[in-house]
Structures are given as structure tokens and as C-alpha cells.
Amino acid sequence: MASKITFLLLFALVVACATMMSVPTVEATYCLDSKDCPDVRCKIGEIERCRQNHCTCVPQFMVSHAG
């Protein structure tokens, strides 16, 4: 029983460290268009977009492909 608890605690620690290191910080870069956000690093499944004149990451499924 103690080994299961130890394993779960270590697993939680590894997951917490991994998510802290893999989540990039998005700087509040001023933009007029998404082309102004080339240096924004987003997580997998997200894409950089200009929202309210600031670069931000949004999920790809929220991006409209109409054009």
C-alpha cells in the first residue's frame, strides 16, 4: 500500500514538473494581425493569434478557416 502511495506522489510530481516546463509564457506583444506574432510559442494544438491587439495562443479548433 505504501509503495502505491509513493508511486502516485512521484508520478504527480513528475507530471507537475513536466507541465511547468512545457507551458510557455505568452508575452503581451502588441499586434495588428496574426502575422505580427511570429515569436509566440504555443502549446501543441494551439496557434498564435492577435486578439484585442495582443498576441495570444488559441486552440486550433477555434480558428475559422473561412476566406
C-alpha atoms as a PDB file:
ATOM      1  CA  MET A   1       0.000   0.000   0.000  1.00  0.00           C
ATOM      2  CA  ALA A   2       2.808   2.411   0.870  1.00  0.00           C
ATOM      3  CA  SER A   3       4.510   1.696  -2.453  1.00  0.00           C
ATOM      4  CA  LYS A   4       1.333   2.636  -4.353  1.00  0.00           C
ATOM      5  CA  ILE A   5       1.083   5.922  -2.483  1.00  0.00           C
ATOM      6  CA  THR A   6       4.761   6.643  -3.081  1.00  0.00           C
ATOM      7  CA  PHE A   7       4.362   5.865  -6.780  1.00  0.00           C
ATOM      8  CA  LEU A   8       1.345   8.166  -7.082  1.00  0.00           C
ATOM      9  CA  LEU A   9       3.145  11.000  -5.296  1.00  0.00           C
ATOM     10  CA  LEU A  10       6.219  10.655  -7.503  1.00  0.00           C
ATOM     11  CA  PHE A  11       4.059  10.433 -10.614  1.00  0.00           C
ATOM     12  CA  ALA A  12       2.190  13.599  -9.603  1.00  0.00           C
ATOM     13  CA  LEU A  13       5.499  15.374  -9.030  1.00  0.00           C
ATOM     14  CA  VAL A  14       6.802  14.361 -12.462  1.00  0.00           C
ATOM     15  CA  VAL A  15       3.584  15.490 -14.150  1.00  0.00           C
ATOM     16  CA  ALA A  16       3.645  18.809 -12.299  1.00  0.00           C
ATOM     17  CA  CYS A  17       7.258  19.464 -13.282  1.00  0.00           C
ATOM     18  CA  ALA A  18       6.641  18.461 -16.892  1.00  0.00           C
ATOM     19  CA  THR A  19       3.664  20.776 -17.283  1.00  0.00           C
ATOM     20  CA  MET A  20       5.514  23.696 -15.699  1.00  0.00           C
ATOM     21  CA  MET A  21       8.401  23.294 -18.131  1.00  0.00           C
ATOM     22  CA  SER A  22       6.301  22.720 -21.251  1.00  0.00           C
ATOM     23  CA  VAL A  23       3.876  25.612 -20.813  1.00  0.00           C
ATOM     24  CA  PRO A  24       5.455  28.654 -22.426  1.00  0.00           C
ATOM     25  CA  THR A  25       4.638  32.128 -21.293  1.00  0.00           C
ATOM     26  CA  VAL A  26       2.989  34.344 -23.860  1.00  0.00           C
ATOM     27  CA  GLU A  27       4.309  37.858 -23.781  1.00  0.00           C
ATOM     28  CA  ALA A  28       1.828  40.680 -24.164  1.00  0.00           C
ATOM     29  CA  THR A  29       3.134  41.665 -27.586  1.00  0.00           C
ATOM     30  CA  TYR A  30       1.245  44.432 -29.359  1.00  0.00           C
ATOM     31  CA  CYS A  31      -0.074  43.351 -32.748  1.00  0.00           C
ATOM     32  CA  LEU A  32      -2.400  44.381 -35.520  1.00  0.00           C
ATOM     33  CA  ASP A  33      -2.543  40.997 -37.287  1.00  0.00           C
ATOM     34  CA  SER A  34      -1.590  37.390 -36.536  1.00  0.00           C
ATOM     35  CA  LYS A  35       1.451  37.883 -38.776  1.00  0.00           C
ATOM     36  CA  ASP A  36       2.810  40.191 -36.067  1.00  0.00           C
ATOM     37  CA  CYS A  37       3.080  37.222 -33.664  1.00  0.00           C
ATOM     38  CA  PRO A  38       5.846  35.030 -35.150  1.00  0.00           C
ATOM     39  CA  ASP A  39       7.812  34.675 -31.890  1.00  0.00           C
ATOM     40  CA  VAL A  40       4.905  33.441 -29.757  1.00  0.00           C
ATOM     41  CA  ARG A  41       5.442  29.823 -28.733  1.00  0.00           C
ATOM     42  CA  CYS A  42       2.200  27.953 -28.222  1.00  0.00           C
ATOM     43  CA  LYS A  43       1.463  24.503 -26.863  1.00  0.00           C
ATOM     44  CA  ILE A  44       0.720  21.627 -29.221  1.00  0.00           C
ATOM     45  CA  GLY A  45      -2.777  22.038 -30.621  1.00  0.00           C
ATOM     46  CA  GLU A  46      -2.733  25.817 -30.257  1.00  0.00           C
ATOM     47  CA  ILE A  47      -1.938  28.569 -32.731  1.00  0.00           C
ATOM     48  CA  GLU A  48      -0.875  32.161 -32.226  1.00  0.00           C
ATOM     49  CA  ARG A  49      -3.454  34.829 -32.957  1.00  0.00           C
ATOM     50  CA  CYS A  50      -3.805  38.558 -32.486  1.00  0.00           C
ATOM     51  CA  ARG A  51      -6.665  39.167 -30.063  1.00  0.00           C
ATOM     52  CA  GLN A  52      -7.508  42.655 -28.825  1.00  0.00           C
ATOM     53  CA  ASN A  53      -4.125  43.916 -30.090  1.00  0.00           C
ATOM     54  CA  HIS A  54      -2.144  41.335 -28.091  1.00  0.00           C
ATOM     55  CA  CYS A  55      -0.581  38.083 -29.254  1.00  0.00           C
ATOM     56  CA  THR A  56      -2.140  35.064 -27.603  1.00  0.00           C
ATOM     57  CA  CYS A  57      -2.486  31.317 -28.124  1.00  0.00           C
ATOM     58  CA  VAL A  58      -5.858  29.830 -29.010  1.00  0.00           C
ATOM     59  CA  PRO A  59      -6.894  26.225 -29.675  1.00  0.00           C
ATOM     60  CA  GLN A  60      -6.723  25.391 -33.391  1.00  0.00           C
ATOM     61  CA  PHE A  61     -10.354  24.261 -33.497  1.00  0.00           C
ATOM     62  CA  MET A  62     -11.425  27.825 -32.594  1.00  0.00           C
ATOM     63  CA  VAL A  63      -9.711  29.266 -35.683  1.00  0.00           C
ATOM     64  CA  SER A  64     -12.081  29.953 -38.558  1.00  0.00           C
ATOM     65  CA  HIS A  65     -10.842  28.817 -41.957  1.00  0.00           C
ATOM     66  CA  ALA A  66     -13.280  30.961 -43.928  1.00  0.00           C
ATOM     67  CA  GLY A  67     -11.647  33.078 -46.512  1.00  0.00           C
END
